[in-house]
Amino acid sequence: MRRSAVASFLGLSVGLLAGCPDRSISEVNPLQGRVEAKDIPVVINRDLDLLFVIDDSPSMADKQANLAANFPQFMKVLSSIPGGLPNVHIGVVTSDLGTQGAGDTNPSFGPGIGQIGMGGCFGVGKDGNLQLFGAAGAVGGDLFISNIADPVTGARMPNYTPNTEARLEEIFGQMAHAGAGGCGFEQHLEAIRHALQPSNAVNQIADEDDCSLQHYSMLGPENATLGPQQSFRCTRFGVTCNQNGQSSDAMNQVGPKGQCHPNDGSAYLTKVGEYVAFLKGLKSSPRKVIVAGIVGDPDPVATELRAPPPGTGTKIPALAHSCTYNGAGGTEVGDPAVRIKFFLDQFPNRSTFSTICQRDLSGGLQQIGDLLKTVIGDPCIEGKLADVDPKTPGPQYECAVSYIKNPDDPAPQEFIMPKCTPEDATATNQPCWHLAPDAVNCATAPTQLSGDKLVLKIEGQNELKTQGTDVHVLANCVTQAQ
């Protein structure tokens, strides 16, 4: 999985533009106060690298089965992108990095703890390497799923047979069953850094927060400083809460916490900002990196006393579960993913979060697919457009459209784009825009008042392409009040 691609883990930069033109919509009244925003690259990159970081610690078996069962919903959204399924590489890594710390050298890992296959941590674990699990042999010797189109003929060239969506989903389902015996100190973010050199889409599936070690000394035997040798250390030393948790000792005290965030002063865990900077630096633009998480709810956060390990009689501090649900095997739980949620939030308009505490993960996977669809560039109108002039026969739709050159520059240039006259390919004022029926590429879009499924169509695209290699069309269309 080493190639350029649109990333998976686009937002409008209008508020950041200096001296940008007026793109206001004239008829937005209190009953029509909503707009559908579009940001569409003029040159669309359909190469997409997807990395799934799957927690393989104890308690994850049900959630992995849930992911595999609902993955078809994700593929359904990707396949609905105009032009069909993008060129995809799909890989899987796990959160098991053993006892290694990012800041440690010679050796980079500490002594093993626990029992292998039952949550124990040893050496470098799976080291962020791509894993096939039950799909070994199904992908032609590769370590990932590949389905790309020939750049000349357009013919699909998968690394598996037969070339069907069902077969792709079956192979991913095998890869998703990562097992539930991996290290109980889950290093989700560090696993991403190990795996991506570079790639572009990161999807995290986990029921516990990130515990990416800076120093393996945090895994040392129980002592007065570290407390019991349990994963609560990840929260105690990796998270700070403005309410009742402003120090590691306060985090150790039983009771609810509030306003929690990563502890950037931790002597044991790596700063979340390092992973944010790493991912944003992988591509020419941070807009090409997207992250998504299906993890435990970040709130509430509380410390509780829990039954001790076998052979001892004193209850020990533990992180209270933030959510529960009834899974196939009984009650399943998720812990507050404070560090992961903070990480996701550093990618505004390029991230999505959903809770892992649900028996059906199809909604969360659809969110990820919809975000990817938006990033690649989806010109289909997904909202129900409003008739801004009911007195005129036929529905009157209104959009404000412009194009922007080099949106990542400190002072990008934005230009108003007129509506086409006439509203078809013969327009004399190109480049211009108009709304056109497209029931084929926009099959999943809603039917509008006109009875059509609509696409935002740009005439004179070749002229826009001469404006530079990074040109985006921005549009805001008035939608019906809800």
Protein backbone atom coordinates (compact mmCIF):
# COMPACT_ATOMS: atom_id res chain seq x y z
CA MET A 1 0.00 0.00 0.00
CA ARG A 2 2.56 2.51 -1.15
CA ARG A 3 1.11 4.98 -3.64
CA SER A 4 -0.51 8.38 -3.88
CA ALA A 5 -4.20 8.61 -3.17
CA VAL A 6 -7.05 10.66 -1.93
CA ALA A 7 -7.13 10.18 1.83
CA SER A 8 -9.77 8.74 4.05
CA PHE A 9 -9.48 10.14 7.69
CA LEU A 10 -13.25 18.24 2.67
CA GLY A 11 -14.32 20.95 4.22
CA LEU A 12 -15.03 24.49 3.04
CA SER A 13 -12.31 27.06 3.70
CA VAL A 14 -14.53 30.01 2.92
CA GLY A 15 -14.17 31.54 6.36
CA LEU A 16 -10.38 31.60 5.97
CA LEU A 17 -10.27 33.37 2.64
CA ALA A 18 -8.99 36.92 2.48
CA GLY A 19 -11.00 39.25 0.31
CA CYS A 20 -13.14 36.48 -1.15
CA PRO A 21 -16.05 37.40 -3.40
CA ASP A 22 -19.68 37.47 -2.30
CA ARG A 23 -21.15 33.96 -2.62
CA SER A 24 -24.30 34.72 -0.64
CA ILE A 25 -27.60 33.16 -1.62
CA SER A 26 -30.37 35.67 -2.07
CA GLU A 27 -33.42 33.75 -0.91
CA VAL A 28 -32.38 32.08 2.36
CA ASN A 29 -35.22 32.97 4.71
CA PRO A 30 -36.09 31.49 8.12
CA LEU A 31 -38.00 28.65 6.46
CA GLN A 32 -35.13 27.95 4.08
CA GLY A 33 -32.18 28.47 6.36
CA ARG A 34 -30.28 25.40 5.27
CA VAL A 35 -27.81 24.82 2.46
CA GLU A 36 -26.08 21.82 0.99
CA ALA A 37 -22.36 22.52 0.64
CA LYS A 38 -20.23 20.93 -2.05
CA ASP A 39 -16.44 20.96 -2.45
CA ILE A 40 -15.45 19.14 -5.63
CA PRO A 41 -11.89 18.85 -6.96
CA VAL A 42 -11.73 19.69 -10.67
CA VAL A 43 -9.12 16.97 -11.15
CA ILE A 44 -10.48 13.97 -9.26
CA ASN A 45 -8.05 11.49 -7.71
CA ARG A 46 -9.76 8.10 -7.48
CA ASP A 47 -6.84 6.30 -5.80
CA LEU A 48 -7.77 5.41 -2.25
CA ASP A 49 -5.65 3.66 0.39
CA LEU A 50 -7.65 2.44 3.38
CA LEU A 51 -6.06 1.26 6.61
CA PHE A 52 -8.18 -0.37 9.30
CA VAL A 53 -6.60 -0.37 12.77
CA ILE A 54 -8.39 -3.12 14.65
CA ASP A 55 -8.11 -3.61 18.39
CA ASP A 56 -7.20 -7.26 18.93
CA SER A 57 -7.19 -7.23 22.74
CA PRO A 58 -9.50 -9.39 24.86
CA SER A 59 -13.22 -8.42 24.58
CA MET A 60 -12.99 -7.55 20.87
CA ALA A 61 -14.24 -10.79 19.25
CA ASP A 62 -17.89 -9.69 19.09
CA LYS A 63 -16.97 -6.25 17.73
CA GLN A 64 -14.76 -7.76 15.01
CA ALA A 65 -17.62 -10.01 13.93
CA ASN A 66 -19.87 -6.93 13.92
CA LEU A 67 -17.40 -5.09 11.67
CA ALA A 68 -17.14 -7.99 9.22
CA ALA A 69 -20.93 -8.44 9.05
CA ASN A 70 -21.58 -4.76 8.31
CA PHE A 71 -18.65 -4.07 5.97
CA PRO A 72 -20.95 -4.54 2.91
CA GLN A 73 -22.74 -1.31 3.86
CA PHE A 74 -19.41 0.51 3.64
CA MET A 75 -18.71 -0.99 0.21
CA LYS A 76 -22.22 -0.07 -0.96
CA VAL A 77 -21.46 3.61 -0.31
CA LEU A 78 -18.06 3.45 -2.02
CA SER A 79 -19.56 1.75 -5.05
CA SER A 80 -22.21 4.50 -5.32
CA ILE A 81 -19.53 7.13 -6.01
CA PRO A 82 -19.94 8.52 -9.56
CA GLY A 83 -17.72 6.35 -11.74
CA GLY A 84 -18.16 3.36 -9.46
CA LEU A 85 -15.75 1.81 -6.99
CA PRO A 86 -12.53 3.88 -6.67
CA ASN A 87 -9.09 2.32 -7.04
CA VAL A 88 -8.75 0.81 -3.58
CA HIS A 89 -6.07 -0.78 -1.45
CA ILE A 90 -7.44 -2.07 1.85
CA GLY A 91 -5.14 -3.19 4.67
CA VAL A 92 -5.49 -4.23 8.30
CA VAL A 93 -3.15 -3.76 11.26
CA THR A 94 -3.79 -4.25 14.96
CA SER A 95 -3.14 -2.23 18.08
CA ASP A 96 -0.70 -4.83 19.47
CA LEU A 97 2.79 -3.31 19.50
CA GLY A 98 3.96 -5.38 22.42
CA THR A 99 6.01 -3.56 25.04
CA GLN A 100 7.87 -1.19 22.73
CA GLY A 101 7.95 2.56 23.40
CA ALA A 102 8.27 5.16 20.63
CA GLY A 103 10.99 7.03 22.53
CA ASP A 104 13.01 3.98 23.58
CA THR A 105 16.10 2.64 21.80
CA ASN A 106 18.53 -0.25 22.36
CA PRO A 107 16.29 -2.05 23.06
CA SER A 108 13.04 -0.42 22.01
CA PHE A 109 10.90 -2.78 24.08
CA GLY A 110 10.77 -3.91 27.66
CA PRO A 111 10.19 -7.26 29.39
CA GLY A 112 7.06 -9.16 28.50
CA ILE A 113 4.01 -9.04 30.73
CA GLY A 114 1.06 -11.41 31.01
CA GLN A 115 0.35 -14.48 28.92
CA ILE A 116 0.63 -14.58 25.14
CA GLY A 117 -2.78 -14.96 23.51
CA MET A 118 -4.62 -13.76 26.61
CA GLY A 119 -3.88 -10.05 26.59
CA GLY A 120 -0.18 -10.38 27.28
CA CYS A 121 2.40 -8.06 25.71
CA PHE A 122 5.73 -9.24 24.32
CA GLY A 123 8.50 -7.73 22.20
CA VAL A 124 7.18 -5.60 19.35
CA GLY A 125 3.88 -7.48 19.03
CA LYS A 126 2.54 -7.28 15.48
CA ASP A 127 4.60 -4.09 15.02
CA GLY A 128 2.05 -2.26 12.84
CA ASN A 129 2.63 -4.74 10.00
CA LEU A 130 -0.21 -5.49 7.60
CA GLN A 131 -2.08 -8.64 8.60
CA LEU A 132 -4.17 -11.08 6.56
CA PHE A 133 -5.32 -13.44 9.30
CA GLY A 134 -7.80 -15.87 7.66
CA ALA A 135 -7.34 -14.32 4.20
CA ALA A 136 -3.78 -15.56 3.69
CA GLY A 137 -3.46 -16.87 0.14
CA ALA A 138 -6.58 -15.07 -1.10
CA VAL A 139 -4.86 -11.93 -2.41
CA GLY A 140 -2.14 -13.26 -4.69
CA GLY A 141 0.77 -12.95 -2.28
CA ASP A 142 0.00 -9.34 -1.31
CA LEU A 143 -0.66 -8.23 2.26
CA PHE A 144 -3.72 -6.17 1.35
CA ILE A 145 -6.80 -6.18 -0.86
CA SER A 146 -6.33 -4.42 -4.19
CA ASN A 147 -8.94 -3.55 -6.80
CA ILE A 148 -7.80 -0.92 -9.29
CA ALA A 149 -8.76 0.04 -12.83
CA ASP A 150 -6.40 -0.18 -15.81
CA PRO A 151 -5.54 3.46 -16.61
CA VAL A 152 -5.98 2.83 -20.36
CA THR A 153 -8.83 0.35 -20.72
CA GLY A 154 -10.61 0.95 -17.42
CA ALA A 155 -10.84 -2.81 -16.84
CA ARG A 156 -10.75 -3.77 -13.15
CA MET A 157 -7.62 -5.59 -11.97
CA PRO A 158 -8.26 -7.12 -8.53
CA ASN A 159 -5.68 -9.27 -6.75
CA TYR A 160 -8.37 -11.84 -5.91
CA THR A 161 -10.86 -13.99 -7.81
CA PRO A 162 -13.62 -13.90 -8.77
CA ASN A 163 -13.90 -10.15 -9.32
CA THR A 164 -17.11 -9.61 -7.39
CA GLU A 165 -18.03 -7.26 -4.59
CA ALA A 166 -19.15 -10.24 -2.55
CA ARG A 167 -15.68 -11.78 -2.80
CA LEU A 168 -14.00 -8.54 -1.71
CA GLU A 169 -16.35 -8.34 1.28
CA GLU A 170 -15.68 -11.99 2.15
CA ILE A 171 -11.91 -11.46 2.15
CA PHE A 172 -12.15 -8.36 4.31
CA GLY A 173 -14.40 -10.26 6.70
CA GLN A 174 -11.63 -12.81 7.14
CA MET A 175 -9.06 -10.07 7.73
CA ALA A 176 -11.33 -8.33 10.25
CA HIS A 177 -11.30 -11.35 12.54
CA ALA A 178 -8.01 -10.28 14.08
CA GLY A 179 -8.43 -12.35 17.22
CA ALA A 180 -8.91 -11.22 20.79
CA GLY A 181 -5.71 -12.21 22.52
CA GLY A 182 -3.45 -9.28 21.69
CA CYS A 183 -1.75 -6.88 24.08
CA GLY A 184 -4.12 -5.25 26.55
CA PHE A 185 -2.14 -1.99 26.35
CA GLU A 186 -3.46 -0.94 22.95
CA GLN A 187 -1.24 1.39 20.90
CA HIS A 188 -3.69 2.45 18.18
CA LEU A 189 -2.02 5.68 17.11
CA GLU A 190 1.51 4.32 17.14
CA ALA A 191 0.30 1.38 15.01
CA ILE A 192 -0.88 3.93 12.44
CA ARG A 193 2.54 5.54 12.37
CA HIS A 194 4.23 2.19 11.93
CA ALA A 195 1.90 1.18 9.10
CA LEU A 196 1.62 4.36 7.07
CA GLN A 197 4.75 5.27 5.17
CA PRO A 198 2.61 6.65 3.53
CA SER A 199 -1.11 6.02 2.95
CA ASN A 200 -4.24 8.07 3.22
CA ALA A 201 -7.25 6.67 5.05
CA VAL A 202 -7.29 5.50 8.63
CA ASN A 203 -10.24 3.76 10.25
CA GLN A 204 -9.95 2.72 13.88
CA ILE A 205 -12.08 -0.01 15.46
CA ALA A 206 -11.57 -0.25 19.21
CA ASP A 207 -13.35 -0.55 22.54
CA GLU A 208 -10.54 1.04 24.59
CA ASP A 209 -8.59 4.28 24.32
CA ASP A 210 -5.16 4.73 22.78
CA CYS A 211 -2.16 3.81 24.91
CA SER A 212 0.74 4.60 22.58
CA LEU A 213 3.82 4.33 24.75
CA GLN A 214 6.61 6.86 24.78
CA HIS A 215 8.56 4.72 27.26
CA TYR A 216 8.00 1.08 28.08
CA SER A 217 8.80 1.88 31.69
CA MET A 218 5.07 2.50 32.13
CA LEU A 219 4.57 -1.25 31.89
CA GLY A 220 6.89 -1.93 34.84
CA PRO A 221 5.87 -4.05 37.85
CA GLU A 222 3.44 -2.65 40.40
CA ASN A 223 4.97 0.08 42.55
CA ALA A 224 3.93 3.19 44.43
CA THR A 225 4.31 5.42 41.37
CA LEU A 226 2.60 3.33 38.70
CA GLY A 227 0.07 1.40 40.75
CA PRO A 228 -1.28 -2.01 39.68
CA GLN A 229 0.05 -3.40 36.40
CA GLN A 230 -3.24 -2.85 34.60
CA SER A 231 -4.33 -0.83 31.54
CA PHE A 232 -5.82 1.85 33.82
CA ARG A 233 -2.31 3.30 33.72
CA CYS A 234 -3.07 4.40 30.14
CA THR A 235 -5.80 6.70 31.46
CA ARG A 236 -4.09 7.70 34.67
CA PHE A 237 -0.96 8.91 32.89
CA GLY A 238 -2.32 9.60 29.40
CA VAL A 239 -5.41 11.68 30.20
CA THR A 240 -5.99 14.82 32.26
CA CYS A 241 -9.40 16.12 33.31
CA ASN A 242 -10.03 19.74 34.28
CA GLN A 243 -12.63 18.52 36.76
CA ASN A 244 -11.39 16.04 39.39
CA GLY A 245 -8.42 14.86 37.34
CA GLN A 246 -5.76 17.53 37.00
CA SER A 247 -2.93 15.18 38.00
CA SER A 248 -2.19 11.47 37.83
CA ASP A 249 -2.98 11.19 41.53
CA ALA A 250 -6.33 12.92 41.01
CA MET A 251 -7.10 10.62 38.08
CA ASN A 252 -6.45 7.71 40.44
CA GLN A 253 -9.18 8.88 42.81
CA VAL A 254 -12.59 7.23 42.58
CA GLY A 255 -15.35 9.38 41.12
CA PRO A 256 -16.52 11.16 37.95
CA LYS A 257 -14.21 13.36 35.89
CA GLY A 258 -15.03 16.21 33.53
CA GLN A 259 -13.53 18.13 30.61
CA CYS A 260 -10.98 15.43 29.85
CA HIS A 261 -8.25 15.63 27.23
CA PRO A 262 -4.85 14.06 26.46
CA ASN A 263 -2.08 14.69 28.96
CA ASP A 264 0.64 16.27 26.84
CA GLY A 265 2.96 16.38 29.82
CA SER A 266 2.92 12.62 30.32
CA ALA A 267 6.27 11.01 30.96
CA TYR A 268 4.98 7.69 29.63
CA LEU A 269 2.64 8.20 26.65
CA THR A 270 3.39 9.84 23.30
CA LYS A 271 1.73 13.20 22.60
CA VAL A 272 -1.32 12.86 20.37
CA GLY A 273 -0.12 15.93 18.45
CA GLU A 274 2.84 13.93 17.14
CA TYR A 275 0.49 11.56 15.34
CA VAL A 276 -1.61 14.42 13.98
CA ALA A 277 1.52 16.10 12.56
CA PHE A 278 2.76 12.80 11.15
CA LEU A 279 -0.46 12.07 9.27
CA LYS A 280 -0.90 15.61 7.95
CA GLY A 281 2.68 15.52 6.69
CA LEU A 282 2.15 12.39 4.60
CA LYS A 283 0.51 14.24 1.74
CA SER A 284 1.00 17.49 -0.15
CA SER A 285 -2.15 18.76 1.53
CA PRO A 286 -3.64 17.80 4.91
CA ARG A 287 -7.02 17.73 3.14
CA LYS A 288 -5.90 14.45 1.59
CA VAL A 289 -5.84 12.66 4.93
CA ILE A 290 -9.04 11.45 6.58
CA VAL A 291 -9.48 9.62 9.85
CA ALA A 292 -12.43 7.78 11.30
CA GLY A 293 -13.07 6.02 14.57
CA ILE A 294 -15.61 3.48 15.75
CA VAL A 295 -14.63 3.51 19.41
CA GLY A 296 -15.98 3.84 22.93
CA ASP A 297 -17.94 7.00 23.76
CA PRO A 298 -15.52 9.67 25.06
CA ASP A 299 -17.95 10.53 27.89
CA PRO A 300 -18.66 9.94 30.69
CA VAL A 301 -15.24 9.46 32.29
CA ALA A 302 -15.02 8.07 35.80
CA THR A 303 -12.66 6.08 37.99
CA GLU A 304 -14.15 3.17 39.90
CA LEU A 305 -12.93 0.32 42.08
CA ARG A 306 -13.00 -3.06 40.42
CA ALA A 307 -12.41 -6.63 41.49
CA PRO A 308 -8.67 -7.33 41.82
CA PRO A 309 -6.66 -9.87 39.81
CA PRO A 310 -6.95 -13.47 41.05
CA GLY A 311 -4.98 -14.13 44.22
CA THR A 312 -5.33 -10.66 45.71
CA GLY A 313 -8.02 -9.21 47.90
CA THR A 314 -7.89 -5.46 47.41
CA LYS A 315 -10.01 -3.71 44.82
CA ILE A 316 -8.02 -1.57 42.41
CA PRO A 317 -8.77 1.67 40.50
CA ALA A 318 -10.16 1.10 36.99
CA LEU A 319 -11.67 3.16 34.22
CA ALA A 320 -15.46 2.88 34.26
CA HIS A 321 -17.10 1.83 31.00
CA SER A 322 -18.68 4.72 29.09
CA CYS A 323 -21.16 2.60 27.13
CA THR A 324 -22.66 -0.88 26.97
CA TYR A 325 -24.84 -2.92 24.61
CA ASN A 326 -26.25 -6.41 24.27
CA GLY A 327 -24.04 -8.31 21.86
CA ALA A 328 -24.31 -11.78 20.40
CA GLY A 329 -22.48 -13.21 23.41
CA GLY A 330 -24.04 -11.07 26.13
CA THR A 331 -23.21 -7.65 27.51
CA GLU A 332 -20.44 -5.86 25.63
CA VAL A 333 -18.72 -2.65 26.75
CA GLY A 334 -16.66 0.29 25.54
CA ASP A 335 -14.33 2.57 27.48
CA PRO A 336 -14.03 6.36 27.01
CA ALA A 337 -11.71 7.00 24.06
CA VAL A 338 -10.52 10.44 25.12
CA ARG A 339 -7.19 10.42 23.27
CA ILE A 340 -8.66 8.92 20.08
CA LYS A 341 -11.58 11.40 19.98
CA PHE A 342 -9.13 14.31 20.45
CA PHE A 343 -7.05 12.89 17.60
CA LEU A 344 -10.09 12.72 15.31
CA ASP A 345 -11.08 16.30 16.16
CA GLN A 346 -7.76 17.60 14.85
CA PHE A 347 -8.96 16.79 11.32
CA PRO A 348 -11.99 19.10 10.98
CA ASN A 349 -14.26 18.16 8.08
CA ARG A 350 -11.94 15.21 7.48
CA SER A 351 -13.04 12.89 10.29
CA THR A 352 -16.00 10.99 11.60
CA PHE A 353 -16.76 9.33 14.93
CA SER A 354 -19.32 6.74 15.94
CA THR A 355 -19.73 4.61 19.02
CA ILE A 356 -18.67 0.98 19.08
CA CYS A 357 -21.46 0.26 21.56
CA GLN A 358 -24.02 -0.87 19.03
CA ARG A 359 -24.86 -4.30 17.79
CA ASP A 360 -25.11 -3.04 14.21
CA LEU A 361 -22.07 -1.06 13.00
CA SER A 362 -23.58 -0.37 9.57
CA GLY A 363 -24.39 3.25 10.50
CA GLY A 364 -20.80 4.00 11.54
CA LEU A 365 -19.39 2.34 8.44
CA GLN A 366 -21.82 4.27 6.24
CA GLN A 367 -20.59 7.50 7.87
CA ILE A 368 -17.04 6.61 6.87
CA GLY A 369 -18.13 5.73 3.34
CA ASP A 370 -20.09 8.98 2.98
CA LEU A 371 -17.07 10.99 4.11
CA LEU A 372 -14.83 9.25 1.57
CA LYS A 373 -17.44 9.88 -1.12
CA THR A 374 -17.40 13.58 -0.26
CA VAL A 375 -13.61 13.79 -0.31
CA ILE A 376 -13.24 12.17 -3.71
CA GLY A 377 -15.80 14.64 -5.04
CA ASP A 378 -19.51 13.88 -5.22
CA PRO A 379 -21.44 16.27 -7.50
CA CYS A 380 -24.79 14.57 -6.85
CA ILE A 381 -27.30 16.67 -4.91
CA GLU A 382 -27.89 14.70 -1.71
CA GLY A 383 -30.34 17.12 -0.06
CA LYS A 384 -33.93 18.00 -0.97
CA LEU A 385 -33.65 21.34 -2.74
CA ALA A 386 -36.09 24.13 -1.92
CA ASP A 387 -38.29 25.99 -4.39
CA VAL A 388 -37.11 29.54 -3.69
CA ASP A 389 -39.81 31.12 -5.89
CA PRO A 390 -43.08 29.18 -5.53
CA LYS A 391 -44.98 31.83 -7.57
CA THR A 392 -43.04 30.90 -10.73
CA PRO A 393 -44.17 27.71 -12.52
CA GLY A 394 -41.89 24.76 -11.90
CA PRO A 395 -39.40 24.41 -9.04
CA GLN A 396 -36.88 27.23 -8.86
CA TYR A 397 -33.60 26.03 -7.29
CA GLU A 398 -30.83 28.34 -6.20
CA CYS A 399 -27.11 27.70 -5.75
CA ALA A 400 -24.09 29.94 -5.29
CA VAL A 401 -21.04 28.47 -7.04
CA SER A 402 -17.40 29.54 -7.27
CA TYR A 403 -14.03 27.98 -7.92
CA ILE A 404 -10.95 28.35 -5.78
CA LYS A 405 -7.31 27.99 -6.78
CA ASN A 406 -4.78 26.46 -4.40
CA PRO A 407 -7.02 26.35 -1.29
CA ASP A 408 -4.05 25.51 0.95
CA ASP A 409 -2.22 28.74 0.15
CA PRO A 410 -2.28 31.49 2.80
CA ALA A 411 -4.23 33.71 0.36
CA PRO A 412 -6.08 31.42 -2.08
CA GLN A 413 -7.92 32.96 -5.02
CA GLU A 414 -11.66 32.47 -5.37
CA PHE A 415 -13.79 33.38 -8.40
CA ILE A 416 -17.55 33.49 -8.87
CA MET A 417 -18.86 31.02 -11.44
CA PRO A 418 -22.00 32.06 -13.36
CA LYS A 419 -25.01 29.90 -14.06
CA CYS A 420 -24.85 28.50 -17.59
CA THR A 421 -26.68 30.30 -20.40
CA PRO A 422 -28.27 28.24 -21.82
CA GLU A 423 -28.25 25.50 -19.18
CA ASP A 424 -26.45 22.83 -21.18
CA ALA A 425 -23.14 22.03 -22.90
CA THR A 426 -23.70 24.78 -25.49
CA ALA A 427 -23.46 27.53 -22.84
CA THR A 428 -21.70 30.65 -24.08
CA ASN A 429 -20.42 31.77 -20.65
CA GLN A 430 -18.20 28.82 -19.75
CA PRO A 431 -16.87 27.89 -17.26
CA CYS A 432 -20.30 27.83 -15.70
CA TRP A 433 -22.65 25.58 -13.74
CA HIS A 434 -26.16 24.19 -13.94
CA LEU A 435 -28.23 21.43 -12.36
CA ALA A 436 -28.94 18.47 -14.62
CA PRO A 437 -30.82 15.16 -14.29
CA ASP A 438 -28.56 12.14 -13.74
CA ALA A 439 -30.41 9.04 -12.57
CA VAL A 440 -27.44 6.77 -13.37
CA ASN A 441 -24.58 8.33 -11.40
CA CYS A 442 -26.90 9.75 -8.73
CA ALA A 443 -29.06 6.67 -8.25
CA THR A 444 -28.94 6.93 -4.44
CA ALA A 445 -29.70 10.68 -4.39
CA PRO A 446 -33.21 11.87 -3.44
CA THR A 447 -35.82 12.66 -6.07
CA GLN A 448 -36.30 16.42 -6.26
CA LEU A 449 -39.49 18.45 -6.72
CA SER A 450 -38.91 18.31 -10.48
CA GLY A 451 -39.06 14.51 -10.34
CA ASP A 452 -35.36 14.18 -11.14
CA LYS A 453 -32.21 13.11 -9.38
CA LEU A 454 -29.84 16.00 -9.90
CA VAL A 455 -26.12 16.54 -10.38
CA LEU A 456 -24.16 19.79 -10.19
CA LYS A 457 -22.72 19.92 -13.71
CA ILE A 458 -19.78 22.13 -14.65
CA GLU A 459 -19.39 23.15 -18.28
CA GLY A 460 -15.92 24.22 -19.40
CA GLN A 461 -13.95 21.93 -17.08
CA ASN A 462 -10.95 22.02 -19.43
CA GLU A 463 -10.71 25.77 -18.88
CA LEU A 464 -10.68 25.23 -15.10
CA LYS A 465 -7.92 22.65 -15.43
CA THR A 466 -5.69 25.27 -17.01
CA GLN A 467 -5.97 27.32 -13.80
CA GLY A 468 -3.65 24.96 -11.89
CA THR A 469 -3.33 21.46 -10.50
CA ASP A 470 -5.35 22.16 -7.34
CA VAL A 471 -8.65 23.80 -8.26
CA HIS A 472 -11.88 23.15 -6.37
CA VAL A 473 -15.48 24.00 -7.19
CA LEU A 474 -17.42 25.25 -4.15
CA ALA A 475 -21.20 25.30 -4.14
CA ASN A 476 -23.99 26.09 -1.68
CA CYS A 477 -27.53 25.14 -2.69
CA VAL A 478 -30.65 26.08 -0.74
CA THR A 479 -32.44 23.04 0.70
CA GLN A 480 -35.91 22.53 2.12
CA ALA A 481 -36.56 23.35 5.75
CA GLN A 482 -36.83 20.33 8.01
